[in-house]
């Protein structure tokens, strides 16, 4: 899940904020109903956001908390070379919490070209 707004990054943009929310899905064994819960990741030992341009290399960014981690939000800011030319950037969060790994869903965000 994300809160990027309606506008994605431009190619080569420095300072674009990627913000993700880390959740866990629990399936009730009796009813088989899925419940998605925001994780309190304030004690996470690893916080990363992985960026990959369409057809390009992966960039693993160290993420920070958007607040204090209790809301499950992590973020990173793009630097020079993170967002290249391409149609889309794939974005995924990765957190290690109490020896368990959690990944956000992979988002596909369009990259705008400059005029």
PDB file of N, CA and C in Angstrom:
ATOM      1  N   UNK A   1       0.851  -1.163   0.000  1.00  0.00           N
ATOM      2  CA  UNK A   1       0.000   0.000   0.000  1.00  0.00           C
ATOM      3  C   UNK A   1       0.901   1.231   0.000  1.00  0.00           C
ATOM      4  N   UNK A   2       0.415   2.309  -0.527  1.00  0.00           N
ATOM      5  CA  UNK A   2       1.235   3.501  -0.636  1.00  0.00           C
ATOM      6  C   UNK A   2       0.399   4.762  -0.499  1.00  0.00           C
ATOM      7  N   UNK A   3       1.087   5.850  -0.299  1.00  0.00           N
ATOM      8  CA  UNK A   3       0.403   7.138  -0.301  1.00  0.00           C
ATOM      9  C   UNK A   3       1.240   8.119  -1.105  1.00  0.00           C
ATOM     10  N   UNK A   4       1.434   7.792  -2.367  1.00  0.00           N
ATOM     11  CA  UNK A   4       2.259   8.611  -3.235  1.00  0.00           C
ATOM     12  C   UNK A   4       1.496   9.771  -3.859  1.00  0.00           C
ATOM     13  N   UNK A   5       0.209   9.759  -3.711  1.00  0.00           N
ATOM     14  CA  UNK A   5      -0.581  10.771  -4.385  1.00  0.00           C
ATOM     15  C   UNK A   5      -0.845  10.328  -5.817  1.00  0.00           C
ATOM     16  N   UNK A   6      -1.314  11.239  -6.637  1.00  0.00           N
ATOM     17  CA  UNK A   6      -1.671  10.895  -8.011  1.00  0.00           C
ATOM     18  C   UNK A   6      -0.535  11.114  -8.993  1.00  0.00           C
ATOM     19  N   UNK A   7       0.554  11.700  -8.572  1.00  0.00           N
ATOM     20  CA  UNK A   7       1.621  12.055  -9.491  1.00  0.00           C
ATOM     21  C   UNK A   7       2.857  11.230  -9.181  1.00  0.00           C
ATOM     22  N   UNK A   8       3.385  10.559 -10.204  1.00  0.00           N
ATOM     23  CA  UNK A   8       4.617   9.788 -10.050  1.00  0.00           C
ATOM     24  C   UNK A   8       5.821  10.664 -10.346  1.00  0.00           C
ATOM     25  N   UNK A   9       6.998  10.062 -10.271  1.00  0.00           N
ATOM     26  CA  UNK A   9       8.231  10.827 -10.485  1.00  0.00           C
ATOM     27  C   UNK A   9       8.500  11.106 -11.965  1.00  0.00           C
ATOM     28  N   UNK A  10       9.357  12.076 -12.212  1.00  0.00           N
ATOM     29  CA  UNK A  10       9.871  12.338 -13.549  1.00  0.00           C
ATOM     30  C   UNK A  10      11.226  11.645 -13.682  1.00  0.00           C
ATOM     31  N   UNK A  11      11.603  11.303 -14.910  1.00  0.00           N
ATOM     32  CA  UNK A  11      12.895  10.657 -15.109  1.00  0.00           C
ATOM     33  C   UNK A  11      14.009  11.553 -14.558  1.00  0.00           C
ATOM     34  N   UNK A  12      14.921  10.924 -13.815  1.00  0.00           N
ATOM     35  CA  UNK A  12      16.049  11.645 -13.238  1.00  0.00           C
ATOM     36  C   UNK A  12      15.719  12.498 -12.030  1.00  0.00           C
ATOM     37  N   UNK A  13      14.492  12.457 -11.542  1.00  0.00           N
ATOM     38  CA  UNK A  13      14.086  13.337 -10.443  1.00  0.00           C
ATOM     39  C   UNK A  13      14.811  12.987  -9.153  1.00  0.00           C
ATOM     40  N   UNK A  14      15.351  13.993  -8.520  1.00  0.00           N
ATOM     41  CA  UNK A  14      15.978  13.868  -7.209  1.00  0.00           C
ATOM     42  C   UNK A  14      15.011  14.471  -6.187  1.00  0.00           C
ATOM     43  N   UNK A  15      14.794  13.772  -5.081  1.00  0.00           N
ATOM     44  CA  UNK A  15      13.931  14.304  -4.032  1.00  0.00           C
ATOM     45  C   UNK A  15      12.508  13.788  -4.049  1.00  0.00           C
ATOM     46  N   UNK A  16      12.190  12.846  -4.944  1.00  0.00           N
ATOM     47  CA  UNK A  16      10.847  12.265  -4.945  1.00  0.00           C
ATOM     48  C   UNK A  16      10.719  11.346  -3.736  1.00  0.00           C
ATOM     49  N   UNK A  17       9.635  11.479  -2.972  1.00  0.00           N
ATOM     50  CA  UNK A  17       9.437  10.684  -1.760  1.00  0.00           C
ATOM     51  C   UNK A  17       8.566   9.464  -2.076  1.00  0.00           C
ATOM     52  N   UNK A  18       9.131   8.283  -1.826  1.00  0.00           N
ATOM     53  CA  UNK A  18       8.377   7.040  -1.911  1.00  0.00           C
ATOM     54  C   UNK A  18       7.982   6.681  -0.481  1.00  0.00           C
ATOM     55  N   UNK A  19       6.697   6.521  -0.233  1.00  0.00           N
ATOM     56  CA  UNK A  19       6.210   6.172   1.103  1.00  0.00           C
ATOM     57  C   UNK A  19       5.302   4.955   0.998  1.00  0.00           C
ATOM     58  N   UNK A  20       5.578   3.956   1.813  1.00  0.00           N
ATOM     59  CA  UNK A  20       4.825   2.708   1.783  1.00  0.00           C
ATOM     60  C   UNK A  20       4.304   2.379   3.167  1.00  0.00           C
ATOM     61  N   UNK A  21       3.253   1.575   3.213  1.00  0.00           N
ATOM     62  CA  UNK A  21       2.699   1.104   4.480  1.00  0.00           C
ATOM     63  C   UNK A  21       2.854  -0.407   4.529  1.00  0.00           C
ATOM     64  N   UNK A  22       3.489  -0.894   5.586  1.00  0.00           N
ATOM     65  CA  UNK A  22       3.737  -2.326   5.752  1.00  0.00           C
ATOM     66  C   UNK A  22       2.546  -2.938   6.483  1.00  0.00           C
ATOM     67  N   UNK A  23       1.974  -3.958   5.850  1.00  0.00           N
ATOM     68  CA  UNK A  23       0.811  -4.630   6.425  1.00  0.00           C
ATOM     69  C   UNK A  23       1.048  -6.133   6.474  1.00  0.00           C
ATOM     70  N   UNK A  24       0.208  -6.802   7.211  1.00  0.00           N
ATOM     71  CA  UNK A  24       0.222  -8.262   7.273  1.00  0.00           C
ATOM     72  C   UNK A  24      -1.194  -8.738   7.004  1.00  0.00           C
ATOM     73  N   UNK A  25      -1.311  -9.826   6.267  1.00  0.00           N
ATOM     74  CA  UNK A  25      -2.617 -10.406   5.979  1.00  0.00           C
ATOM     75  C   UNK A  25      -2.754 -11.697   6.769  1.00  0.00           C
ATOM     76  N   UNK A  26      -3.802 -11.774   7.566  1.00  0.00           N
ATOM     77  CA  UNK A  26      -4.077 -12.960   8.373  1.00  0.00           C
ATOM     78  C   UNK A  26      -5.352 -13.602   7.829  1.00  0.00           C
ATOM     79  N   UNK A  27      -5.299 -14.920   7.640  1.00  0.00           N
ATOM     80  CA  UNK A  27      -6.466 -15.651   7.140  1.00  0.00           C
ATOM     81  C   UNK A  27      -7.035 -16.484   8.286  1.00  0.00           C
ATOM     82  N   UNK A  28      -8.297 -16.254   8.598  1.00  0.00           N
ATOM     83  CA  UNK A  28      -8.980 -17.029   9.639  1.00  0.00           C
ATOM     84  C   UNK A  28      -9.130 -18.465   9.131  1.00  0.00           C
ATOM     85  N   UNK A  29      -8.594 -19.456   9.875  1.00  0.00           N
ATOM     86  CA  UNK A  29      -8.644 -20.841   9.401  1.00  0.00           C
ATOM     87  C   UNK A  29     -10.060 -21.422   9.310  1.00  0.00           C
ATOM     88  N   UNK A  30     -10.989 -20.864  10.049  1.00  0.00           N
ATOM     89  CA  UNK A  30     -12.358 -21.387  10.039  1.00  0.00           C
ATOM     90  C   UNK A  30     -13.182 -20.743   8.925  1.00  0.00           C
ATOM     91  N   UNK A  31     -13.185 -19.408   8.902  1.00  0.00           N
ATOM     92  CA  UNK A  31     -14.025 -18.702   7.934  1.00  0.00           C
ATOM     93  C   UNK A  31     -13.306 -18.406   6.617  1.00  0.00           C
ATOM     94  N   UNK A  32     -11.971 -18.522   6.623  1.00  0.00           N
ATOM     95  CA  UNK A  32     -11.124 -18.207   5.468  1.00  0.00           C
ATOM     96  C   UNK A  32     -11.226 -16.739   5.056  1.00  0.00           C
ATOM     97  N   UNK A  33     -11.654 -15.894   5.992  1.00  0.00           N
ATOM     98  CA  UNK A  33     -11.724 -14.458   5.745  1.00  0.00           C
ATOM     99  C   UNK A  33     -10.337 -13.860   5.952  1.00  0.00           C
ATOM    100  N   UNK A  34      -9.915 -13.023   4.994  1.00  0.00           N
ATOM    101  CA  UNK A  34      -8.616 -12.354   5.089  1.00  0.00           C
ATOM    102  C   UNK A  34      -8.777 -10.996   5.753  1.00  0.00           C
ATOM    103  N   UNK A  35      -7.869 -10.707   6.675  1.00  0.00           N
ATOM    104  CA  UNK A  35      -7.860  -9.410   7.345  1.00  0.00           C
ATOM    105  C   UNK A  35      -6.474  -8.803   7.181  1.00  0.00           C
ATOM    106  N   UNK A  36      -6.444  -7.593   6.648  1.00  0.00           N
ATOM    107  CA  UNK A  36      -5.178  -6.886   6.478  1.00  0.00           C
ATOM    108  C   UNK A  36      -4.998  -5.933   7.653  1.00  0.00           C
ATOM    109  N   UNK A  37      -3.839  -6.017   8.307  1.00  0.00           N
ATOM    110  CA  UNK A  37      -3.557  -5.212   9.480  1.00  0.00           C
ATOM    111  C   UNK A  37      -2.262  -4.433   9.271  1.00  0.00           C
ATOM    112  N   UNK A  38      -2.283  -3.157   9.604  1.00  0.00           N
ATOM    113  CA  UNK A  38      -1.061  -2.353   9.566  1.00  0.00           C
ATOM    114  C   UNK A  38      -0.155  -2.828  10.684  1.00  0.00           C
ATOM    115  N   UNK A  39       1.125  -3.051  10.361  1.00  0.00           N
ATOM    116  CA  UNK A  39       2.074  -3.530  11.363  1.00  0.00           C
ATOM    117  C   UNK A  39       2.747  -2.378  12.095  1.00  0.00           C
ATOM    118  N   UNK A  40       2.945  -2.543  13.379  1.00  0.00           N
ATOM    119  CA  UNK A  40       3.772  -1.632  14.161  1.00  0.00           C
ATOM    120  C   UNK A  40       5.205  -2.090  13.925  1.00  0.00           C
ATOM    121  N   UNK A  41       5.964  -1.332  13.145  1.00  0.00           N
ATOM    122  CA  UNK A  41       7.323  -1.725  12.766  1.00  0.00           C
ATOM    123  C   UNK A  41       8.380  -0.894  13.504  1.00  0.00           C
ATOM    124  N   UNK A  42       7.985  -0.301  14.620  1.00  0.00           N
ATOM    125  CA  UNK A  42       8.894   0.592  15.342  1.00  0.00           C
ATOM    126  C   UNK A  42      10.159  -0.099  15.835  1.00  0.00           C
ATOM    127  N   UNK A  43      10.138  -1.429  15.969  1.00  0.00           N
ATOM    128  CA  UNK A  43      11.339  -2.150  16.413  1.00  0.00           C
ATOM    129  C   UNK A  43      12.002  -2.933  15.275  1.00  0.00           C
ATOM    130  N   UNK A  44      11.647  -2.620  14.040  1.00  0.00           N
ATOM    131  CA  UNK A  44      12.228  -3.323  12.888  1.00  0.00           C
ATOM    132  C   UNK A  44      13.740  -3.121  12.845  1.00  0.00           C
ATOM    133  N   UNK A  45      14.455  -4.196  12.552  1.00  0.00           N
ATOM    134  CA  UNK A  45      15.915  -4.126  12.460  1.00  0.00           C
ATOM    135  C   UNK A  45      16.383  -3.788  11.054  1.00  0.00           C
ATOM    136  N   UNK A  46      15.561  -4.049  10.055  1.00  0.00           N
ATOM    137  CA  UNK A  46      15.868  -3.715   8.657  1.00  0.00           C
ATOM    138  C   UNK A  46      14.663  -3.022   8.055  1.00  0.00           C
ATOM    139  N   UNK A  47      14.914  -1.903   7.387  1.00  0.00           N
ATOM    140  CA  UNK A  47      13.866  -1.160   6.690  1.00  0.00           C
ATOM    141  C   UNK A  47      14.441  -0.757   5.331  1.00  0.00           C
ATOM    142  N   UNK A  48      13.848  -1.272   4.255  1.00  0.00           N
ATOM    143  CA  UNK A  48      14.347  -0.981   2.914  1.00  0.00           C
ATOM    144  C   UNK A  48      13.196  -0.726   1.964  1.00  0.00           C
ATOM    145  N   UNK A  49      13.483   0.081   0.949  1.00  0.00           N
ATOM    146  CA  UNK A  49      12.575   0.228  -0.183  1.00  0.00           C
ATOM    147  C   UNK A  49      13.390  -0.101  -1.422  1.00  0.00           C
ATOM    148  N   UNK A  50      12.854  -1.033  -2.213  1.00  0.00           N
ATOM    149  CA  UNK A  50      13.547  -1.513  -3.399  1.00  0.00           C
ATOM    150  C   UNK A  50      12.898  -0.858  -4.615  1.00  0.00           C
ATOM    151  N   UNK A  51      13.734  -0.237  -5.446  1.00  0.00           N
ATOM    152  CA  UNK A  51      13.277   0.405  -6.680  1.00  0.00           C
ATOM    153  C   UNK A  51      13.878  -0.359  -7.859  1.00  0.00           C
ATOM    154  N   UNK A  52      13.078  -0.569  -8.898  1.00  0.00           N
ATOM    155  CA  UNK A  52      13.617  -1.174 -10.121  1.00  0.00           C
ATOM    156  C   UNK A  52      12.910  -0.550 -11.309  1.00  0.00           C
ATOM    157  N   UNK A  53      13.704   0.008 -12.202  1.00  0.00           N
ATOM    158  CA  UNK A  53      13.148   0.550 -13.429  1.00  0.00           C
ATOM    159  C   UNK A  53      12.798  -0.614 -14.344  1.00  0.00           C
ATOM    160  N   UNK A  54      11.808  -0.414 -15.182  1.00  0.00           N
ATOM    161  CA  UNK A  54      11.403  -1.433 -16.132  1.00  0.00           C
ATOM    162  C   UNK A  54      12.616  -1.831 -16.972  1.00  0.00           C
ATOM    163  N   UNK A  55      13.017  -3.096 -16.867  1.00  0.00           N
ATOM    164  CA  UNK A  55      14.174  -3.579 -17.623  1.00  0.00           C
ATOM    165  C   UNK A  55      15.510  -3.143 -17.072  1.00  0.00           C
ATOM    166  N   UNK A  56      15.539  -2.584 -15.872  1.00  0.00           N
ATOM    167  CA  UNK A  56      16.780  -2.052 -15.314  1.00  0.00           C
ATOM    168  C   UNK A  56      17.216  -2.748 -14.047  1.00  0.00           C
ATOM    169  N   UNK A  57      18.248  -2.204 -13.461  1.00  0.00           N
ATOM    170  CA  UNK A  57      18.815  -2.769 -12.235  1.00  0.00           C
ATOM    171  C   UNK A  57      18.012  -2.347 -11.011  1.00  0.00           C
ATOM    172  N   UNK A  58      18.159  -3.143  -9.952  1.00  0.00           N
ATOM    173  CA  UNK A  58      17.514  -2.829  -8.667  1.00  0.00           C
ATOM    174  C   UNK A  58      18.366  -1.837  -7.892  1.00  0.00           C
ATOM    175  N   UNK A  59      17.694  -0.951  -7.195  1.00  0.00           N
ATOM    176  CA  UNK A  59      18.337  -0.032  -6.259  1.00  0.00           C
ATOM    177  C   UNK A  59      17.681  -0.275  -4.908  1.00  0.00           C
ATOM    178  N   UNK A  60      18.478  -0.646  -3.911  1.00  0.00           N
ATOM    179  CA  UNK A  60      17.951  -0.878  -2.566  1.00  0.00           C
ATOM    180  C   UNK A  60      18.283   0.346  -1.723  1.00  0.00           C
ATOM    181  N   UNK A  61      17.243   1.019  -1.258  1.00  0.00           N
ATOM    182  CA  UNK A  61      17.403   2.233  -0.464  1.00  0.00           C
ATOM    183  C   UNK A  61      17.097   1.909   0.997  1.00  0.00           C
ATOM    184  N   UNK A  62      17.913   2.424   1.900  1.00  0.00           N
ATOM    185  CA  UNK A  62      17.601   2.311   3.319  1.00  0.00           C
ATOM    186  C   UNK A  62      16.427   3.240   3.594  1.00  0.00           C
ATOM    187  N   UNK A  63      15.398   2.693   4.211  1.00  0.00           N
ATOM    188  CA  UNK A  63      14.193   3.471   4.489  1.00  0.00           C
ATOM    189  C   UNK A  63      14.242   4.024   5.913  1.00  0.00           C
ATOM    190  N   UNK A  64      13.476   5.061   6.121  1.00  0.00           N
ATOM    191  CA  UNK A  64      13.297   5.637   7.453  1.00  0.00           C
ATOM    192  C   UNK A  64      11.809   5.583   7.779  1.00  0.00           C
ATOM    193  N   UNK A  65      11.485   5.789   9.045  1.00  0.00           N
ATOM    194  CA  UNK A  65      10.088   5.866   9.433  1.00  0.00           C
ATOM    195  C   UNK A  65       9.520   7.204   8.983  1.00  0.00           C
ATOM    196  N   UNK A  66       8.266   7.196   8.550  1.00  0.00           N
ATOM    197  CA  UNK A  66       7.591   8.456   8.235  1.00  0.00           C
ATOM    198  C   UNK A  66       7.238   9.186   9.519  1.00  0.00           C
ATOM    199  N   UNK A  67       6.893   8.416  10.568  1.00  0.00           N
ATOM    200  CA  UNK A  67       6.634   8.995  11.894  1.00  0.00           C
ATOM    201  C   UNK A  67       7.524   8.254  12.879  1.00  0.00           C
ATOM    202  N   UNK A  68       6.945   7.327  13.641  1.00  0.00           N
ATOM    203  CA  UNK A  68       7.751   6.554  14.600  1.00  0.00           C
ATOM    204  C   UNK A  68       7.676   5.048  14.343  1.00  0.00           C
ATOM    205  N   UNK A  69       7.037   4.652  13.250  1.00  0.00           N
ATOM    206  CA  UNK A  69       6.939   3.243  12.892  1.00  0.00           C
ATOM    207  C   UNK A  69       5.690   2.543  13.390  1.00  0.00           C
ATOM    208  N   UNK A  70       5.006   3.123  14.351  1.00  0.00           N
ATOM    209  CA  UNK A  70       3.805   2.461  14.881  1.00  0.00           C
ATOM    210  C   UNK A  70       2.670   2.420  13.862  1.00  0.00           C
ATOM    211  N   UNK A  71       2.743   3.286  12.846  1.00  0.00           N
ATOM    212  CA  UNK A  71       1.719   3.332  11.801  1.00  0.00           C
ATOM    213  C   UNK A  71       2.088   2.506  10.573  1.00  0.00           C
ATOM    214  N   UNK A  72       3.230   1.794  10.626  1.00  0.00           N
ATOM    215  CA  UNK A  72       3.654   0.943   9.531  1.00  0.00           C
ATOM    216  C   UNK A  72       4.263   1.665   8.344  1.00  0.00           C
ATOM    217  N   UNK A  73       4.443   2.976   8.427  1.00  0.00           N
ATOM    218  CA  UNK A  73       4.913   3.748   7.278  1.00  0.00           C
ATOM    219  C   UNK A  73       6.432   3.854   7.233  1.00  0.00           C
ATOM    220  N   UNK A  74       6.980   3.542   6.040  1.00  0.00           N
ATOM    221  CA  UNK A  74       8.396   3.769   5.770  1.00  0.00           C
ATOM    222  C   UNK A  74       8.504   4.624   4.516  1.00  0.00           C
ATOM    223  N   UNK A  75       9.647   5.296   4.388  1.00  0.00           N
ATOM    224  CA  UNK A  75       9.828   6.170   3.236  1.00  0.00           C
ATOM    225  C   UNK A  75      11.290   6.245   2.848  1.00  0.00           C
ATOM    226  N   UNK A  76      11.532   6.648   1.603  1.00  0.00           N
ATOM    227  CA  UNK A  76      12.875   6.975   1.143  1.00  0.00           C
ATOM    228  C   UNK A  76      12.738   8.091   0.116  1.00  0.00           C
ATOM    229  N   UNK A  77      13.843   8.754  -0.146  1.00  0.00           N
ATOM    230  CA  UNK A  77      13.858   9.877  -1.075  1.00  0.00           C
ATOM    231  C   UNK A  77      14.800   9.529  -2.221  1.00  0.00           C
ATOM    232  N   UNK A  78      14.351   9.777  -3.447  1.00  0.00           N
ATOM    233  CA  UNK A  78      15.179   9.445  -4.606  1.00  0.00           C
ATOM    234  C   UNK A  78      16.402  10.345  -4.675  1.00  0.00           C
ATOM    235  N   UNK A  79      17.503   9.734  -5.119  1.00  0.00           N
ATOM    236  CA  UNK A  79      18.772  10.450  -5.324  1.00  0.00           C
ATOM    237  C   UNK A  79      19.123  10.370  -6.807  1.00  0.00           C
ATOM    238  N   UNK A  80      20.171  11.058  -7.197  1.00  0.00           N
ATOM    239  CA  UNK A  80      20.616  11.034  -8.588  1.00  0.00           C
ATOM    240  C   UNK A  80      20.869   9.597  -9.022  1.00  0.00           C
ATOM    241  N   UNK A  81      20.318   9.225 -10.161  1.00  0.00           N
ATOM    242  CA  UNK A  81      20.503   7.894 -10.714  1.00  0.00           C
ATOM    243  C   UNK A  81      19.471   6.863 -10.297  1.00  0.00           C
ATOM    244  N   UNK A  82      18.617   7.180  -9.336  1.00  0.00           N
ATOM    245  CA  UNK A  82      17.602   6.220  -8.875  1.00  0.00           C
ATOM    246  C   UNK A  82      16.474   6.034  -9.888  1.00  0.00           C
ATOM    247  N   UNK A  83      16.042   7.113 -10.527  1.00  0.00           N
ATOM    248  CA  UNK A  83      14.905   7.068 -11.443  1.00  0.00           C
ATOM    249  C   UNK A  83      15.406   7.397 -12.843  1.00  0.00           C
ATOM    250  N   UNK A  84      15.583   6.367 -13.639  1.00  0.00           N
ATOM    251  CA  UNK A  84      16.099   6.552 -14.992  1.00  0.00           C
ATOM    252  C   UNK A  84      14.995   6.685 -15.998  1.00  0.00           C
ATOM    253  N   UNK A  85      15.406   6.618 -17.261  1.00  0.00           N
ATOM    254  CA  UNK A  85      14.431   6.642 -18.345  1.00  0.00           C
ATOM    255  C   UNK A  85      13.741   5.296 -18.387  1.00  0.00           C
ATOM    256  N   UNK A  86      12.474   5.313 -18.518  1.00  0.00           N
ATOM    257  CA  UNK A  86      11.704   4.079 -18.563  1.00  0.00           C
ATOM    258  C   UNK A  86      10.243   4.397 -18.430  1.00  0.00           C
ATOM    259  N   UNK A  87       9.443   3.398 -18.669  1.00  0.00           N
ATOM    260  CA  UNK A  87       8.007   3.620 -18.611  1.00  0.00           C
ATOM    261  C   UNK A  87       7.479   3.572 -17.184  1.00  0.00           C
ATOM    262  N   UNK A  88       8.120   2.763 -16.329  1.00  0.00           N
ATOM    263  CA  UNK A  88       7.612   2.585 -14.967  1.00  0.00           C
ATOM    264  C   UNK A  88       8.751   2.275 -14.011  1.00  0.00           C
ATOM    265  N   UNK A  89       8.495   2.543 -12.734  1.00  0.00           N
ATOM    266  CA  UNK A  89       9.397   2.115 -11.671  1.00  0.00           C
ATOM    267  C   UNK A  89       8.601   1.169 -10.772  1.00  0.00           C
ATOM    268  N   UNK A  90       9.218   0.038 -10.443  1.00  0.00           N
ATOM    269  CA  UNK A  90       8.611  -0.938  -9.552  1.00  0.00           C
ATOM    270  C   UNK A  90       9.126  -0.638  -8.149  1.00  0.00           C
ATOM    271  N   UNK A  91       8.229  -0.594  -7.175  1.00  0.00           N
ATOM    272  CA  UNK A  91       8.577  -0.200  -5.807  1.00  0.00           C
ATOM    273  C   UNK A  91       8.043  -1.249  -4.836  1.00  0.00           C
ATOM    274  N   UNK A  92       8.918  -1.676  -3.904  1.00  0.00           N
ATOM    275  CA  UNK A  92       8.522  -2.676  -2.911  1.00  0.00           C
ATOM    276  C   UNK A  92       9.237  -2.382  -1.598  1.00  0.00           C
ATOM    277  N   UNK A  93       8.510  -2.481  -0.504  1.00  0.00           N
ATOM    278  CA  UNK A  93       9.103  -2.309   0.814  1.00  0.00           C
ATOM    279  C   UNK A  93       9.497  -3.648   1.406  1.00  0.00           C
ATOM    280  N   UNK A  94      10.551  -3.643   2.216  1.00  0.00           N
ATOM    281  CA  UNK A  94      11.039  -4.858   2.885  1.00  0.00           C
ATOM    282  C   UNK A  94      11.411  -4.482   4.313  1.00  0.00           C
ATOM    283  N   UNK A  95      10.868  -5.240   5.268  1.00  0.00           N
ATOM    284  CA  UNK A  95      11.107  -4.978   6.684  1.00  0.00           C
ATOM    285  C   UNK A  95      11.392  -6.299   7.382  1.00  0.00           C
ATOM    286  N   UNK A  96      12.378  -6.293   8.273  1.00  0.00           N
ATOM    287  CA  UNK A  96      12.605  -7.444   9.156  1.00  0.00           C
ATOM    288  C   UNK A  96      12.216  -7.006  10.552  1.00  0.00           C
ATOM    289  N   UNK A  97      11.278  -7.762  11.121  1.00  0.00           N
ATOM    290  CA  UNK A  97      10.705  -7.435  12.423  1.00  0.00           C
ATOM    291  C   UNK A  97      10.638  -8.708  13.245  1.00  0.00           C
ATOM    292  N   UNK A  98      11.366  -8.744  14.354  1.00  0.00           N
ATOM    293  CA  UNK A  98      11.370  -9.914  15.232  1.00  0.00           C
ATOM    294  C   UNK A  98      11.687 -11.196  14.456  1.00  0.00           C
ATOM    295  N   UNK A  99      12.721 -11.150  13.639  1.00  0.00           N
ATOM    296  CA  UNK A  99      13.212 -12.285  12.839  1.00  0.00           C
ATOM    297  C   UNK A  99      12.215 -12.747  11.775  1.00  0.00           C
ATOM    298  N   UNK A 100      11.190 -11.970  11.494  1.00  0.00           N
ATOM    299  CA  UNK A 100      10.240 -12.275  10.432  1.00  0.00           C
ATOM    300  C   UNK A 100      10.371 -11.223   9.345  1.00  0.00           C
ATOM    301  N   UNK A 101      10.305 -11.653   8.084  1.00  0.00           N
ATOM    302  CA  UNK A 101      10.401 -10.719   6.969  1.00  0.00           C
ATOM    303  C   UNK A 101       9.017 -10.389   6.434  1.00  0.00           C
ATOM    304  N   UNK A 102       8.817  -9.113   6.122  1.00  0.00           N
ATOM    305  CA  UNK A 102       7.567  -8.652   5.544  1.00  0.00           C
ATOM    306  C   UNK A 102       7.893  -7.813   4.304  1.00  0.00           C
ATOM    307  N   UNK A 103       7.096  -8.003   3.263  1.00  0.00           N
ATOM    308  CA  UNK A 103       7.218  -7.225   2.031  1.00  0.00           C
ATOM    309  C   UNK A 103       5.890  -6.543   1.761  1.00  0.00           C
ATOM    310  N   UNK A 104       5.949  -5.337   1.234  1.00  0.00           N
ATOM    311  CA  UNK A 104       4.727  -4.688   0.782  1.00  0.00           C
ATOM    312  C   UNK A 104       4.379  -5.270  -0.584  1.00  0.00           C
ATOM    313  N   UNK A 105       3.188  -4.986  -1.052  1.00  0.00           N
ATOM    314  CA  UNK A 105       2.877  -5.365  -2.417  1.00  0.00           C
ATOM    315  C   UNK A 105       3.770  -4.538  -3.343  1.00  0.00           C
ATOM    316  N   UNK A 106       4.078  -5.089  -4.504  1.00  0.00           N
ATOM    317  CA  UNK A 106       4.898  -4.368  -5.476  1.00  0.00           C
ATOM    318  C   UNK A 106       4.012  -3.402  -6.242  1.00  0.00           C
ATOM    319  N   UNK A 107       4.406  -2.141  -6.221  1.00  0.00           N
ATOM    320  CA  UNK A 107       3.662  -1.111  -6.942  1.00  0.00           C
ATOM    321  C   UNK A 107       4.361  -0.810  -8.258  1.00  0.00           C
ATOM    322  N   UNK A 108       3.594  -0.527  -9.273  1.00  0.00           N
ATOM    323  CA  UNK A 108       4.132  -0.105 -10.565  1.00  0.00           C
ATOM    324  C   UNK A 108       3.710   1.343 -10.757  1.00  0.00           C
ATOM    325  N   UNK A 109       4.692   2.237 -10.769  1.00  0.00           N
ATOM    326  CA  UNK A 109       4.411   3.671 -10.815  1.00  0.00           C
ATOM    327  C   UNK A 109       4.945   4.237 -12.130  1.00  0.00           C
ATOM    328  N   UNK A 110       4.103   4.910 -12.914  1.00  0.00           N
ATOM    329  CA  UNK A 110       4.577   5.479 -14.176  1.00  0.00           C
ATOM    330  C   UNK A 110       5.591   6.595 -13.941  1.00  0.00           C
ATOM    331  N   UNK A 111       6.612   6.617 -14.785  1.00  0.00           N
ATOM    332  CA  UNK A 111       7.625   7.673 -14.741  1.00  0.00           C
ATOM    333  C   UNK A 111       7.350   8.619 -15.907  1.00  0.00           C
ATOM    334  N   UNK A 112       7.232   9.901 -15.613  1.00  0.00           N
ATOM    335  CA  UNK A 112       6.954  10.896 -16.641  1.00  0.00           C
ATOM    336  C   UNK A 112       8.243  11.372 -17.275  1.00  0.00           C
ATOM    337  N   UNK A 113       8.198  11.562 -18.573  1.00  0.00           N
ATOM    338  CA  UNK A 113       9.348  12.132 -19.294  1.00  0.00           C
ATOM    339  C   UNK A 113       9.289  13.651 -19.201  1.00  0.00           C
ATOM    340  N   UNK A 114      10.426  14.268 -19.337  1.00  0.00           N
ATOM    341  CA  UNK A 114      10.457  15.739 -19.389  1.00  0.00           C
ATOM    342  C   UNK A 114      10.034  16.191 -20.777  1.00  0.00           C
ATOM    343  N   UNK A 115       9.474  17.366 -20.873  1.00  0.00           N
ATOM    344  CA  UNK A 115       9.049  17.891 -22.176  1.00  0.00           C
ATOM    345  C   UNK A 115      10.232  18.336 -22.993  1.00  0.00           C
TER     346      UNK A 115
END
